[in-house]
Protein backbone atom coordinates (compact mmCIF):
# COMPACT_ATOMS: atom_id res chain seq x y z
CA UNK A 1 311.31 72.09 -50.40
CA UNK A 2 312.09 76.42 -50.84
CA UNK A 3 309.35 78.49 -50.76
CA UNK A 4 307.03 78.61 -54.18
CA UNK A 5 306.56 82.17 -55.42
CA UNK A 6 306.50 81.33 -58.67
CA UNK A 7 303.04 78.71 -60.64
CA UNK A 8 302.54 75.45 -59.49
CA UNK A 9 306.08 74.72 -60.55
CA UNK A 10 306.22 70.25 -60.72
CA UNK A 11 303.84 70.60 -57.05
CA UNK A 12 303.66 67.05 -56.39
CA UNK A 13 300.19 66.08 -58.03
CA UNK A 14 301.03 62.81 -58.57
CA UNK A 15 301.71 61.84 -55.41
CA UNK A 16 299.98 58.83 -53.35
CA UNK A 17 299.71 59.89 -49.73
CA UNK A 18 301.98 56.77 -47.30
CA UNK A 19 299.22 54.01 -45.60
CA UNK A 20 302.10 54.04 -42.79
CA UNK A 21 303.56 51.38 -40.25
CA UNK A 22 300.49 47.98 -39.93
CA UNK A 23 298.64 49.18 -36.87
CA UNK A 24 298.14 46.91 -33.46
CA UNK A 25 296.86 44.23 -32.39
CA UNK A 26 292.38 43.90 -33.09
CA UNK A 27 290.84 45.76 -30.48
CA UNK A 28 288.22 43.79 -28.11
CA UNK A 29 285.72 46.15 -29.09
CA UNK A 30 285.54 43.69 -32.64
CA UNK A 31 283.84 41.25 -30.23
CA UNK A 32 280.87 42.81 -30.28
CA UNK A 33 277.73 42.34 -32.06
CA UNK A 34 277.57 43.91 -35.72
CA UNK A 35 281.37 45.00 -35.70
CA UNK A 36 282.94 45.10 -38.96
CA UNK A 37 286.77 45.85 -39.09
CA UNK A 38 288.24 47.89 -40.54
CA UNK A 39 290.87 47.93 -43.22
CA UNK A 40 294.43 49.87 -44.24
CA UNK A 41 295.50 51.94 -41.38
CA UNK A 42 292.46 51.62 -39.30
CA UNK A 43 292.65 47.91 -38.83
CA UNK A 44 292.45 47.06 -35.57
CA UNK A 45 289.01 48.62 -34.85
CA UNK A 46 285.95 48.50 -36.59
CA UNK A 47 284.67 50.30 -39.64
CA UNK A 48 280.71 50.16 -38.46
CA UNK A 49 278.75 48.01 -35.94
CA UNK A 50 275.76 47.33 -38.88
CA UNK A 51 274.11 51.22 -39.21
CA UNK A 52 277.08 53.14 -39.95
CA UNK A 53 274.37 56.58 -40.70
CA UNK A 54 272.76 56.27 -37.22
CA UNK A 55 276.62 55.78 -35.63
CA UNK A 56 277.53 58.74 -37.42
CA UNK A 57 274.58 60.87 -35.85
CA UNK A 58 275.04 59.54 -32.42
CA UNK A 59 278.73 60.37 -32.06
CA UNK A 60 278.14 64.10 -33.81
CA UNK A 61 276.04 64.41 -31.01
CA UNK A 62 278.07 63.59 -28.14
CA UNK A 63 275.83 59.79 -27.36
CA UNK A 64 278.16 57.84 -28.73
CA UNK A 65 282.57 56.58 -28.60
CA UNK A 66 284.45 55.46 -31.08
CA UNK A 67 287.27 53.00 -31.21
CA UNK A 68 290.73 54.47 -31.35
CA UNK A 69 292.40 51.75 -29.50
CA UNK A 70 294.96 51.19 -32.59
CA UNK A 71 296.34 54.88 -32.08
CA UNK A 72 299.95 54.80 -29.92
CA UNK A 73 300.62 55.92 -26.47
CA UNK A 74 304.12 57.88 -25.10
CA UNK A 75 305.03 59.27 -22.48
CA UNK A 76 307.87 61.57 -21.82
CA UNK A 77 308.89 62.06 -18.04
CA UNK A 78 311.33 63.64 -16.60
CA UNK A 79 312.17 67.25 -15.13
CA UNK A 80 313.12 68.77 -18.94
CA UNK A 81 310.18 67.32 -20.24
CA UNK A 82 308.87 70.12 -22.02
CA UNK A 83 311.66 72.76 -22.70
CA UNK A 84 312.88 68.98 -24.31
CA UNK A 85 309.69 68.41 -26.60
CA UNK A 86 309.89 71.92 -26.97
CA UNK A 87 313.19 72.29 -28.90
CA UNK A 88 312.26 69.51 -31.50
CA UNK A 89 309.03 69.97 -32.52
CA UNK A 90 306.95 72.77 -33.73
CA UNK A 91 304.78 74.07 -30.35
CA UNK A 92 305.31 76.12 -27.93
CA UNK A 93 305.61 73.51 -24.75
CA UNK A 94 308.31 75.82 -22.09
CA UNK A 95 305.57 75.48 -19.57
CA UNK A 96 302.64 74.22 -20.53
CA UNK A 97 299.36 74.26 -18.00
CA UNK A 98 299.00 70.62 -16.59
CA UNK A 99 295.54 69.57 -18.10
CA UNK A 100 296.13 72.03 -21.32
CA UNK A 101 295.73 70.37 -25.00
CA UNK A 102 298.17 71.31 -28.16
CA UNK A 103 299.06 69.56 -30.67
CA UNK A 104 302.54 69.58 -31.99
CA UNK A 105 304.68 68.24 -35.58
CA UNK A 106 307.92 66.31 -36.01
CA UNK A 107 309.24 67.92 -39.09
CA UNK A 108 312.19 66.86 -41.22
CA UNK A 109 315.01 68.86 -41.80
CA UNK A 110 313.45 70.65 -44.52
CA UNK A 111 310.31 70.44 -43.08
CA UNK A 112 308.24 67.86 -44.13
CA UNK A 113 306.02 66.45 -42.12
CA UNK A 114 306.87 63.11 -39.96
CA UNK A 115 304.96 63.67 -36.96
CA UNK A 116 301.44 64.83 -35.65
CA UNK A 117 301.81 64.71 -31.43
CA UNK A 118 298.04 64.56 -29.69
CA UNK A 119 300.30 66.22 -26.31
CA UNK A 120 298.99 67.01 -22.84
CA UNK A 121 300.60 66.68 -19.40
CA UNK A 122 299.39 65.83 -15.96
CA UNK A 123 302.49 68.00 -14.23
CA UNK A 124 305.01 65.00 -13.67
CA UNK A 125 304.01 62.62 -17.36
CA UNK A 126 304.09 64.44 -20.25
CA UNK A 127 301.41 62.36 -22.48
CA UNK A 128 301.47 61.71 -26.17
CA UNK A 129 299.07 59.78 -28.99
CA UNK A 130 299.79 59.25 -32.46
CA UNK A 131 298.92 57.78 -35.67
CA UNK A 132 298.30 53.73 -35.59
CA UNK A 133 301.80 52.01 -35.59
CA UNK A 134 303.97 54.94 -35.64
CA UNK A 135 304.66 55.30 -31.67
CA UNK A 136 308.10 52.45 -32.02
CA UNK A 137 309.30 54.79 -35.01
CA UNK A 138 308.57 58.19 -32.49
CA UNK A 139 309.99 56.83 -29.60
CA UNK A 140 313.09 55.64 -31.36
CA UNK A 141 313.91 59.25 -32.94
CA UNK A 142 313.75 60.89 -29.63
CA UNK A 143 315.42 58.48 -28.05
CA UNK A 144 318.23 59.53 -29.93
CA UNK A 145 318.02 62.86 -29.11
CA UNK A 146 317.88 62.46 -25.89
CA UNK A 147 321.72 63.28 -25.52
CA UNK A 148 322.15 64.24 -21.55
CA UNK A 149 318.68 65.70 -19.91
CA UNK A 150 316.63 64.69 -18.00
CA UNK A 151 314.09 62.93 -19.60
CA UNK A 152 312.61 59.32 -19.62
CA UNK A 153 310.62 58.21 -23.23
CA UNK A 154 308.21 55.10 -23.00
CA UNK A 155 306.18 53.34 -26.01
CA UNK A 156 302.95 52.64 -23.40
CA UNK A 157 301.21 51.25 -26.22
CA UNK A 158 300.41 48.32 -24.62
CA UNK A 159 298.92 49.56 -21.24
CA UNK A 160 296.69 52.56 -22.41
CA UNK A 161 294.61 52.74 -25.85
CA UNK A 162 292.83 55.66 -26.52
CA UNK A 163 288.58 56.54 -27.13
CA UNK A 164 287.70 59.21 -29.41
CA UNK A 165 284.11 61.05 -28.54
CA UNK A 166 282.73 64.69 -29.94
CA UNK A 167 282.30 66.72 -26.45
CA UNK A 168 282.92 70.57 -26.38
CA UNK A 169 285.61 71.69 -23.22
CA UNK A 170 284.15 71.02 -19.74
CA UNK A 171 281.26 69.19 -21.01
CA UNK A 172 280.38 65.36 -19.43
CA UNK A 173 281.41 62.50 -21.80
CA UNK A 174 278.33 59.92 -22.69
CA UNK A 175 276.78 58.80 -19.73
CA UNK A 176 278.06 55.02 -20.19
CA UNK A 177 281.21 55.57 -20.11
CA UNK A 178 283.37 54.19 -16.46
CA UNK A 179 286.61 56.13 -17.21
CA UNK A 180 288.58 55.59 -14.25
CA UNK A 181 289.68 58.84 -11.67
CA UNK A 182 292.59 57.72 -11.80
CA UNK A 183 293.43 57.93 -15.73
CA UNK A 184 295.21 60.63 -17.61
CA UNK A 185 293.55 64.18 -18.43
CA UNK A 186 291.65 63.70 -21.67
CA UNK A 187 293.65 65.72 -25.01
CA UNK A 188 290.84 68.11 -26.81
CA UNK A 189 291.57 68.79 -30.20
CA UNK A 190 292.67 72.44 -30.37
CA UNK A 191 291.09 72.31 -34.27
CA UNK A 192 290.10 74.52 -35.57
CA UNK A 193 290.91 77.48 -32.88
CA UNK A 194 293.60 79.74 -34.32
CA UNK A 195 296.17 79.94 -31.59
CA UNK A 196 298.43 83.90 -31.00
CA UNK A 197 301.04 83.07 -32.99
CA UNK A 198 299.23 81.11 -35.30
CA UNK A 199 298.36 82.10 -38.85
CA UNK A 200 295.62 80.65 -40.47
CA UNK A 201 295.54 79.43 -44.55
CA UNK A 202 291.78 79.29 -44.53
CA UNK A 203 289.00 80.22 -47.04
CA UNK A 204 286.56 81.11 -44.22
CA UNK A 205 286.38 83.18 -40.75
CA UNK A 206 287.12 81.62 -38.44
CA UNK A 207 283.49 81.87 -36.72
CA UNK A 208 282.03 79.90 -39.96
CA UNK A 209 285.07 77.04 -39.79
CA UNK A 210 283.14 73.69 -40.08
CA UNK A 211 285.49 71.99 -37.21
CA UNK A 212 283.93 73.87 -34.82
CA UNK A 213 280.92 71.74 -34.87
CA UNK A 214 282.85 68.25 -33.99
CA UNK A 215 285.30 69.69 -30.42
CA UNK A 216 287.15 65.74 -30.73
CA UNK A 217 288.24 64.60 -27.33
CA UNK A 218 290.43 62.02 -26.71
CA UNK A 219 290.09 59.29 -23.94
CA UNK A 220 293.20 57.42 -22.01
CA UNK A 221 291.35 54.29 -20.75
CA UNK A 222 293.80 51.51 -19.01
CA UNK A 223 293.74 48.86 -22.43
CA UNK A 224 293.08 46.42 -19.93
CA UNK A 225 289.89 47.31 -18.68
CA UNK A 226 289.02 49.20 -22.39
CA UNK A 227 285.33 46.18 -23.23
CA UNK A 228 284.33 47.36 -19.24
CA UNK A 229 285.43 50.68 -19.42
CA UNK A 230 282.95 51.62 -22.56
CA UNK A 231 279.89 49.26 -21.07
CA UNK A 232 277.01 49.70 -23.10
CA UNK A 233 278.17 53.38 -24.44
CA UNK A 234 276.52 53.37 -28.05
CA UNK A 235 279.96 52.67 -30.57
CA UNK A 236 280.49 54.03 -33.71
CA UNK A 237 283.14 52.64 -35.91
CA UNK A 238 286.38 55.02 -38.03
CA UNK A 239 283.15 55.15 -40.84
CA UNK A 240 281.60 57.31 -38.83
CA UNK A 241 284.89 59.27 -36.93
CA UNK A 242 285.74 59.94 -40.65
CA UNK A 243 283.40 60.99 -42.25
CA UNK A 244 283.23 63.42 -39.29
CA UNK A 245 287.04 64.48 -39.43
CA UNK A 246 286.27 65.18 -43.42
CA UNK A 247 283.26 67.13 -42.65
CA UNK A 248 285.85 69.23 -40.52
CA UNK A 249 288.33 70.02 -42.58
CA UNK A 250 290.88 68.59 -40.02
CA UNK A 251 293.89 66.41 -41.55
CA UNK A 252 295.21 63.27 -40.36
CA UNK A 253 299.28 62.20 -40.89
CA UNK A 254 299.76 59.52 -43.14
CA UNK A 255 296.13 60.65 -45.28
CA UNK A 256 296.44 64.49 -45.84
CA UNK A 257 300.09 63.85 -45.47
CA UNK A 258 302.98 62.49 -47.92
CA UNK A 259 306.76 62.93 -47.79
CA UNK A 260 306.18 66.13 -49.37
CA UNK A 261 303.80 67.34 -47.26
CA UNK A 262 304.41 70.87 -45.13
CA UNK A 263 301.83 72.11 -42.62
CA UNK A 264 300.29 75.38 -44.75
CA UNK A 265 299.00 72.65 -47.06
CA UNK A 266 296.37 71.41 -44.20
CA UNK A 267 296.14 75.12 -43.02
CA UNK A 268 298.05 73.05 -40.45
CA UNK A 269 299.44 75.37 -38.68
CA UNK A 270 296.59 76.70 -37.13
CA UNK A 271 296.48 74.65 -34.67
CA UNK A 272 300.23 72.59 -34.45
CA UNK A 273 302.55 75.48 -35.30
CA UNK A 274 304.30 77.98 -32.99
CA UNK A 275 305.55 80.89 -35.53
CA UNK A 276 307.79 82.63 -33.09
CA UNK A 277 309.06 79.90 -30.99
CA UNK A 278 313.03 79.13 -31.47
CA UNK A 279 314.95 77.30 -33.81
CA UNK A 280 313.24 73.87 -34.33
CA UNK A 281 314.20 71.17 -36.69
CA UNK A 282 312.12 72.64 -39.80
CA UNK A 283 311.69 75.56 -38.78
CA UNK A 284 313.27 77.62 -42.16
CA UNK A 285 310.79 75.87 -44.18
CA UNK A 286 308.04 76.71 -42.48
CA UNK A 287 308.99 80.12 -41.90
CA UNK A 288 310.10 80.87 -45.70
CA UNK A 289 307.31 80.09 -47.18
CA UNK A 290 305.00 81.97 -44.87
CA UNK A 291 306.83 84.40 -44.73
CA UNK A 292 308.06 84.88 -48.42
CA UNK A 293 305.51 82.08 -50.30
CA UNK A 294 303.22 80.58 -50.81
CA UNK A 295 302.55 76.46 -50.64
CA UNK A 296 302.48 74.39 -53.83
CA UNK A 297 299.18 72.31 -52.93
CA UNK A 298 296.23 73.12 -51.00
CA UNK A 299 293.37 71.18 -49.16
CA UNK A 300 290.31 71.00 -50.73
CA UNK A 301 286.92 69.34 -49.18
CA UNK A 302 284.82 68.37 -52.89
CA UNK A 303 281.62 66.88 -53.24
CA UNK A 304 281.32 63.90 -54.77
CA UNK A 305 278.68 62.92 -57.49
CA UNK A 306 276.34 60.83 -55.61
CA UNK A 307 274.83 58.42 -58.26
CA UNK A 308 277.77 55.30 -57.72
CA UNK A 309 278.00 53.30 -54.84
CA UNK A 310 282.01 53.16 -55.25
CA UNK A 311 283.96 55.62 -54.06
CA UNK A 312 287.29 57.19 -54.65
CA UNK A 313 290.77 55.15 -53.41
CA UNK A 314 293.25 57.27 -51.65
CA UNK A 315 295.61 58.68 -54.72
CA UNK A 316 292.40 58.50 -57.03
CA UNK A 317 293.07 61.20 -59.18
CA UNK A 318 291.73 64.59 -59.58
CA UNK A 319 291.25 65.87 -63.03
CA UNK A 320 290.62 68.84 -64.71
CA UNK A 321 290.08 69.46 -68.29
CA UNK A 322 292.15 65.91 -69.10
CA UNK A 323 295.08 66.43 -67.17
CA UNK A 324 295.30 65.39 -63.13
CA UNK A 325 295.64 68.41 -60.89
CA UNK A 326 295.90 66.11 -57.44
CA UNK A 327 294.81 62.79 -56.02
CA UNK A 328 292.07 61.94 -53.29
CA UNK A 329 294.06 61.34 -49.41
CA UNK A 330 290.65 60.17 -48.14
CA UNK A 331 287.26 59.75 -49.18
CA UNK A 332 283.92 59.37 -46.39
CA UNK A 333 280.06 58.90 -46.88
CA UNK A 334 278.53 61.56 -44.87
CA UNK A 335 275.21 61.02 -42.99
CA UNK A 336 274.10 64.90 -43.99
CA UNK A 337 276.51 66.18 -47.11
CA UNK A 338 277.02 62.35 -48.73
CA UNK A 339 280.11 60.82 -50.42
CA UNK A 340 282.73 63.67 -49.87
CA UNK A 341 286.08 64.11 -50.05
CA UNK A 342 289.29 65.84 -48.87
CA UNK A 343 292.08 66.17 -51.39
CA UNK A 344 295.42 67.65 -52.75
CA UNK A 345 295.51 69.90 -55.55
CA UNK A 346 297.58 72.36 -57.07
CA UNK A 347 297.95 75.60 -55.54
CA UNK A 348 296.43 77.29 -59.34
CA UNK A 349 293.93 75.35 -59.45
CA UNK A 350 290.82 77.73 -60.25
CA UNK A 351 288.35 77.57 -58.09
CA UNK A 352 285.50 76.75 -60.06
CA UNK A 353 287.10 74.41 -61.84
CA UNK A 354 285.39 71.36 -63.37
CA UNK A 355 287.06 68.32 -61.64
CA UNK A 356 286.19 64.85 -61.90
CA UNK A 357 287.19 61.59 -59.69
CA UNK A 358 288.62 58.57 -60.84
CA UNK A 359 287.10 55.63 -59.32
CA UNK A 360 290.24 53.21 -60.71
CA UNK A 361 290.97 50.49 -57.65
CA UNK A 362 287.76 51.69 -55.42
CA UNK A 363 285.75 48.84 -53.81
CA UNK A 364 282.91 48.57 -56.39
CA UNK A 365 283.71 50.80 -59.00
CA UNK A 366 282.47 50.14 -62.32
CA UNK A 367 284.82 47.48 -64.46
CA UNK A 368 285.27 49.94 -66.94
CA UNK A 369 286.75 52.85 -64.28
CA UNK A 370 290.25 54.20 -65.97
CA UNK A 371 292.07 57.18 -65.13
CA UNK A 372 289.45 60.11 -64.57
CA UNK A 373 289.86 61.71 -67.49
CA UNK A 374 286.06 64.36 -68.75
CA UNK A 375 284.79 61.20 -70.39
CA UNK A 376 286.19 58.10 -68.44
CA UNK A 377 282.45 56.53 -67.76
CA UNK A 378 284.30 55.13 -64.14
CA UNK A 379 284.90 59.04 -62.40
CA UNK A 380 282.66 60.71 -60.92
CA UNK A 381 282.40 64.33 -61.18
CA UNK A 382 283.67 67.14 -58.27
CA UNK A 383 282.95 70.00 -56.76
CA UNK A 384 285.28 71.57 -54.67
CA UNK A 385 284.83 73.32 -51.37
CA UNK A 386 287.85 75.64 -50.84
CA UNK A 387 290.13 74.64 -47.19
CA UNK A 388 293.02 76.68 -48.01
CA UNK A 389 292.80 79.43 -50.20
CA UNK A 390 294.79 79.70 -53.15
């Protein structure tokens, strides 16, 4: 992809986010009362446990935990582990202090996002959590990049599970959560805190970013003890966790990304890219677009008409003036904001444009749902909140 300094060119707005690999085995927490299984990329965990709005409120205040045991877990050991990962990914990892959490990306040679790594080192092992089903591919690629370096890479998803909770750095976990003392360090999401060598593409000042209301933490626990660790802690399903993520403008691999995505489009540079480090795969595109051009697409938050029960499916066309200008990446029903969605749209789309989103393919959509054009009775009206400035 070349730096886009002109109009949108084709902008790739007809692309649909990739569904990704098949997630792993079902969580034992699906046996809890009221659990309704999730589908799609969150298959294997609960969509909700009977009361999604209450679950969202509890999760948002740090009183509940969400099951992320379908996420992959990878370890990297050996004395060269940090400098090696530093050379392969977008983040500066050499000398990373033990217990400090960072985010890093693996890019294609053309700068497209391939993997998103949630990274924390315990002093002897780098712990990485990744999207469901992607650990095998990541491990395979890393091993091919190993050469003669003193590193060992392992997929430990079968032994370790992930739990998610909204907890500020340094704050205590929910009282009922019984995490073993010898568990690996938790990963504290840096989003949306801007790094010293990063860049913001956001339309709002950093101290007003909605992501500040979601200090997300991923806790690693032994998979065999998952049910025991959770105990009687209130559970929130993926309905709740995804709604909070959407409201925080937080991009997720395979949702806010497709085969064309570069980090600039999702404001991913703010937490996952070090702009002054040495060479890594895809760096040329990152630097060229940042210094000379502008990304062809930009992330927006859509506030959807709440008169319909259905929510648009991932990939649903976003239409303006009878023409498709983007597509939905994730839709959710937030306990305070109502129906919302993240979407990728053409950079040149006016920020005050009147939009419509197709309900074709959505569960519960009207029978006459069509292509999302302005006159389509099966479409939702939508207004955009700018996430990445045009």
